[in-house]
C-alpha atoms as a PDB file:
ATOM      1  CA  MET A   1       0.025  -0.016  -0.052  1.00  0.00           C
ATOM      2  CA  SER A   2       1.473   3.278  -1.063  1.00  0.00           C
ATOM      3  CA  ALA A   3       0.657   6.891  -0.023  1.00  0.00           C
ATOM      4  CA  ASP A   4      -1.017   9.415  -2.385  1.00  0.00           C
ATOM      5  CA  PRO A   5       1.825  11.381  -4.241  1.00  0.00           C
ATOM      6  CA  SER A   6       0.056  14.701  -3.222  1.00  0.00           C
ATOM      7  CA  GLU A   7      -0.041  13.793   0.438  1.00  0.00           C
ATOM      8  CA  PRO A   8       2.691  15.476   2.516  1.00  0.00           C
ATOM      9  CA  CYS A   9       4.934  13.450   4.816  1.00  0.00           C
ATOM     10  CA  PRO A  10       2.992  12.728   8.052  1.00  0.00           C
ATOM     11  CA  ARG A  11       6.129  13.333  10.162  1.00  0.00           C
ATOM     12  CA  CYS A  12       7.604  16.573   8.759  1.00  0.00           C
ATOM     13  CA  GLU A  13       4.797  17.798   6.348  1.00  0.00           C
ATOM     14  CA  ARG A  14       7.258  17.936   3.377  1.00  0.00           C
ATOM     15  CA  SER A  15       5.709  17.409  -0.077  1.00  0.00           C
ATOM     16  CA  ARG A  16       7.090  14.662  -2.175  1.00  0.00           C
ATOM     17  CA  ALA A  17       7.647  13.642  -5.737  1.00  0.00           C
ATOM     18  CA  ALA A  18       5.621  10.712  -7.076  1.00  0.00           C
ATOM     19  CA  SER A  19       8.856   8.657  -7.618  1.00  0.00           C
ATOM     20  CA  ASP A  20      10.228   9.168  -3.961  1.00  0.00           C
ATOM     21  CA  GLU A  21      10.427   6.058  -1.971  1.00  0.00           C
ATOM     22  CA  ALA A  22      11.167   8.046   1.312  1.00  0.00           C
ATOM     23  CA  CYS A  23      10.782  11.617   2.430  1.00  0.00           C
ATOM     24  CA  ALA A  24      13.835  13.609   1.421  1.00  0.00           C
ATOM     25  CA  GLN A  25      13.726  15.687   4.644  1.00  0.00           C
ATOM     26  CA  CYS A  26      13.170  13.172   7.388  1.00  0.00           C
ATOM     27  CA  GLY A  27      13.808   9.782   5.729  1.00  0.00           C
ATOM     28  CA  LEU A  28      10.449   8.237   6.646  1.00  0.00           C
ATOM     29  CA  LEU A  29       9.684   5.479   4.035  1.00  0.00           C
ATOM     30  CA  VAL A  30       6.588   6.225   1.984  1.00  0.00           C
ATOM     31  CA  SER A  31       5.336   2.706   2.421  1.00  0.00           C
ATOM     32  CA  ARG A  32       4.971   3.579   6.225  1.00  0.00           C
ATOM     33  CA  TRP A  33       3.087   6.744   5.727  1.00  0.00           C
ATOM     34  CA  PRO A  34      -0.465   5.302   5.814  1.00  0.00           C
ATOM     35  CA  GLY A  35      -0.177   3.971   9.381  1.00  0.00           C
ATOM     36  CA  PHE A  36       2.232   6.469  10.789  1.00  0.00           C
ATOM     37  CA  ASP A  37       1.282   8.426  13.858  1.00  0.00           C
ATOM     38  CA  PRO A  38       3.483  11.490  14.257  1.00  0.00           C
ATOM     39  CA  GLY A  39       2.521  11.948  17.945  1.00  0.00           C
ATOM     40  CA  ALA A  40       3.245   8.247  18.995  1.00  0.00           C
ATOM     41  CA  GLY A  41       6.780   9.000  20.066  1.00  0.00           C
ATOM     42  CA  ASP A  42       5.852  12.089  22.124  1.00  0.00           C
ATOM     43  CA  PRO A  43       6.659  11.841  25.770  1.00  0.00           C
ATOM     44  CA  PRO A  44       3.580  11.883  28.178  1.00  0.00           C
ATOM     45  CA  GLY A  45       2.473  15.306  29.120  1.00  0.00           C
ATOM     46  CA  LEU A  46       3.776  17.159  26.044  1.00  0.00           C
ATOM     47  CA  GLU A  47       0.158  17.542  24.696  1.00  0.00           C
ATOM     48  CA  ALA A  48      -1.004  19.015  28.037  1.00  0.00           C
ATOM     49  CA  LEU A  49       1.949  21.425  28.078  1.00  0.00           C
ATOM     50  CA  TRP A  50       1.271  22.471  24.586  1.00  0.00           C
ATOM     51  CA  ALA A  51      -2.493  23.022  25.264  1.00  0.00           C
ATOM     52  CA  THR A  52      -1.566  25.172  28.178  1.00  0.00           C
ATOM     53  CA  CYS A  53       0.735  27.294  26.204  1.00  0.00           C
ATOM     54  CA  ALA A  54      -1.773  27.445  23.204  1.00  0.00           C
ATOM     55  CA  ALA A  55      -4.311  28.925  25.573  1.00  0.00           C
ATOM     56  CA  THR A  56      -2.099  31.997  26.149  1.00  0.00           C
ATOM     57  CA  TRP A  57      -0.396  31.997  22.760  1.00  0.00           C
ATOM     58  CA  LEU A  58       0.993  35.606  22.872  1.00  0.00           C
ATOM     59  CA  ASP A  59       2.624  35.073  26.272  1.00  0.00           C
ATOM     60  CA  VAL A  60       6.375  34.760  25.746  1.00  0.00           C
ATOM     61  CA  ALA A  61       6.930  33.391  29.227  1.00  0.00           C
ATOM     62  CA  ALA A  62       4.478  30.569  28.552  1.00  0.00           C
ATOM     63  CA  HIS A  63       6.420  29.571  25.541  1.00  0.00           C
ATOM     64  CA  ASP A  64       9.685  29.688  27.615  1.00  0.00           C
ATOM     65  CA  ARG A  65       8.183  27.437  30.235  1.00  0.00           C
ATOM     66  CA  LEU A  66       6.975  25.144  27.503  1.00  0.00           C
ATOM     67  CA  LEU A  67      10.418  24.969  25.913  1.00  0.00           C
ATOM     68  CA  GLN A  68      11.972  24.326  29.322  1.00  0.00           C
ATOM     69  CA  ALA A  69       9.588  21.548  30.170  1.00  0.00           C
ATOM     70  CA  ALA A  70       9.737  19.914  26.778  1.00  0.00           C
ATOM     71  CA  SER A  71      13.562  19.763  26.909  1.00  0.00           C
ATOM     72  CA  LEU A  72      13.405  18.089  30.312  1.00  0.00           C
ATOM     73  CA  ILE A  73      11.136  15.305  29.019  1.00  0.00           C
ATOM     74  CA  ASP A  74      12.849  14.746  25.691  1.00  0.00           C
ATOM     75  CA  GLY A  75       9.990  16.452  23.865  1.00  0.00           C
ATOM     76  CA  LEU A  76      11.858  18.793  21.510  1.00  0.00           C
ATOM     77  CA  PRO A  77      11.002  16.833  18.293  1.00  0.00           C
ATOM     78  CA  GLY A  78       7.388  16.801  19.183  1.00  0.00           C
ATOM     79  CA  LEU A  79       7.416  20.399  20.146  1.00  0.00           C
ATOM     80  CA  ALA A  80       9.198  21.373  16.936  1.00  0.00           C
ATOM     81  CA  ARG A  81       6.518  19.495  14.917  1.00  0.00           C
ATOM     82  CA  ARG A  82       3.670  21.318  16.752  1.00  0.00           C
ATOM     83  CA  TYR A  83       5.290  24.771  16.060  1.00  0.00           C
ATOM     84  CA  ARG A  84       6.055  23.778  12.459  1.00  0.00           C
ATOM     85  CA  LEU A  85       2.345  22.776  11.975  1.00  0.00           C
ATOM     86  CA  ARG A  86       1.228  25.943  13.535  1.00  0.00           C
ATOM     87  CA  ALA A  87       3.445  28.069  11.398  1.00  0.00           C
ATOM     88  CA  LYS A  88       2.322  26.232   8.246  1.00  0.00           C
ATOM     89  CA  ALA A  89      -1.368  26.705   9.095  1.00  0.00           C
ATOM     90  CA  ASP A  90      -0.798  30.405   9.745  1.00  0.00           C
ATOM     91  CA  PRO A  91       2.313  31.911   7.889  1.00  0.00           C
ATOM     92  CA  ASP A  92       1.859  35.246   9.600  1.00  0.00           C
ATOM     93  CA  ASP A  93       2.304  33.638  13.069  1.00  0.00           C
ATOM     94  CA  GLU A  94       5.525  35.187  14.017  1.00  0.00           C
ATOM     95  CA  MET A  95       5.596  33.514  17.423  1.00  0.00           C
ATOM     96  CA  ALA A  96       5.415  29.970  15.894  1.00  0.00           C
ATOM     97  CA  ARG A  97       8.223  30.750  13.431  1.00  0.00           C
ATOM     98  CA  ARG A  98      10.521  32.312  16.161  1.00  0.00           C
ATOM     99  CA  ARG A  99       9.826  29.444  18.593  1.00  0.00           C
ATOM    100  CA  LEU A 100      10.412  26.900  15.956  1.00  0.00           C
ATOM    101  CA  GLN A 101      13.932  28.405  15.423  1.00  0.00           C
ATOM    102  CA  LYS A 102      14.590  28.403  19.111  1.00  0.00           C
ATOM    103  CA  VAL A 103      13.622  24.735  19.407  1.00  0.00           C
ATOM    104  CA  VAL A 104      15.779  23.836  16.394  1.00  0.00           C
ATOM    105  CA  VAL A 105      18.825  25.615  17.944  1.00  0.00           C
ATOM    106  CA  MET A 106      18.172  24.075  21.319  1.00  0.00           C
ATOM    107  CA  ALA A 107      18.039  20.582  19.836  1.00  0.00           C
ATOM    108  CA  GLU A 108      21.165  21.113  17.829  1.00  0.00           C
ATOM    109  CA  HIS A 109      23.030  22.265  20.977  1.00  0.00           C
ATOM    110  CA  ALA A 110      21.745  19.232  22.837  1.00  0.00           C
ATOM    111  CA  ALA A 111      22.956  16.900  20.017  1.00  0.00           C
ATOM    112  CA  ARG A 112      26.403  18.594  19.722  1.00  0.00           C
ATOM    113  CA  ALA A 113      26.829  18.195  23.549  1.00  0.00           C
ATOM    114  CA  GLN A 114      26.472  14.475  23.135  1.00  0.00           C
ATOM    115  CA  VAL A 115      29.179  14.193  20.468  1.00  0.00           C
ATOM    116  CA  VAL A 116      32.679  13.060  21.612  1.00  0.00           C
ATOM    117  CA  PRO A 117      35.316  15.236  20.003  1.00  0.00           C
ATOM    118  CA  PHE A 118      37.792  13.605  17.529  1.00  0.00           C
ATOM    119  CA  GLN A 119      40.737  14.571  19.734  1.00  0.00           C
ATOM    120  CA  ALA A 120      39.119  12.777  22.754  1.00  0.00           C
ATOM    121  CA  LEU A 121      38.780   9.571  20.659  1.00  0.00           C
ATOM    122  CA  THR A 122      42.396   9.899  19.570  1.00  0.00           C
ATOM    123  CA  ALA A 123      43.521  10.264  23.271  1.00  0.00           C
ATOM    124  CA  MET A 124      41.433   7.413  24.387  1.00  0.00           C
ATOM    125  CA  ARG A 125      42.886   5.177  21.623  1.00  0.00           C
ATOM    126  CA  ALA A 126      46.436   6.236  22.476  1.00  0.00           C
ATOM    127  CA  ALA A 127      45.898   5.396  26.119  1.00  0.00           C
ATOM    128  CA  TRP A 128      44.440   2.099  25.154  1.00  0.00           C
ATOM    129  CA  TYR A 129      47.649   1.222  23.086  1.00  0.00           C
ATOM    130  CA  LEU A 130      49.924   2.384  25.773  1.00  0.00           C
ATOM    131  CA  GLY A 131      48.185   0.209  28.230  1.00  0.00           C
ATOM    132  CA  HIS A 132      48.447  -2.833  26.107  1.00  0.00           C
ATOM    133  CA  VAL A 133      52.121  -2.128  25.390  1.00  0.00           C
ATOM    134  CA  LEU A 134      52.893  -1.753  29.088  1.00  0.00           C
ATOM    135  CA  GLY A 135      50.924  -4.959  29.861  1.00  0.00           C
ATOM    136  CA  VAL A 136      52.989  -6.931  27.298  1.00  0.00           C
ATOM    137  CA  LEU A 137      56.253  -5.533  28.640  1.00  0.00           C
ATOM    138  CA  GLY A 138      55.246  -6.423  32.160  1.00  0.00           C
ATOM    139  CA  VAL A 139      54.544 -10.026  31.079  1.00  0.00           C
ATOM    140  CA  LEU A 140      57.871 -10.172  29.327  1.00  0.00           C
ATOM    141  CA  ALA A 141      59.753  -8.812  32.321  1.00  0.00           C
ATOM    142  CA  VAL A 142      58.126 -11.409  34.588  1.00  0.00           C
ATOM    143  CA  GLY A 143      58.946 -14.121  32.162  1.00  0.00           C
ATOM    144  CA  TYR A 144      62.488 -13.024  31.893  1.00  0.00           C
ATOM    145  CA  MET A 145      62.869 -12.938  35.688  1.00  0.00           C
ATOM    146  CA  LEU A 146      61.373 -16.498  36.001  1.00  0.00           C
ATOM    147  CA  LEU A 147      63.926 -17.807  33.412  1.00  0.00           C
ATOM    148  CA  ARG A 148      66.837 -16.111  35.316  1.00  0.00           C
ATOM    149  CA  VAL A 149      65.715 -17.581  38.736  1.00  0.00           C
ATOM    150  CA  LEU A 150      65.037 -21.077  37.295  1.00  0.00           C
ATOM    151  CA  GLY A 151      68.150 -21.027  35.235  1.00  0.00           C
ATOM    152  CA  ARG A 152      70.327 -20.669  38.285  1.00  0.00           C
ATOM    153  CA  ARG A 153      69.068 -23.876  39.941  1.00  0.00           C
END
């Protein structure tokens, strides 16, 4: 079963060409579009937080609280989807566009904080090799001493 070529991606709302087998933006396979639930991976409580913020949409502090709470419960992807849909529904909604940008920046910072720098990997690898070399030298030294002691008898 395949999705209608005019139907946008259910995850990111990007339109697709008829020949695409997956969304070019998020990678969701077109064969999975019909049964895909974009909110299925959202953490519990995100919808209630969103509803509270939506009730006072122009309150910047409410959006700040929403962003803070969503980041604590790993809800940034779901929050970004909600802001993206709101901005798509109302292109003049400056709050939705600004907040979407803020969520994206926050998610990028969180992702970069989890990456181990290349220099750290190189240092860890050097320490691993040094430990093995010292271990081998230790075994050789013990073997040499045993041969010397047993050779005297």
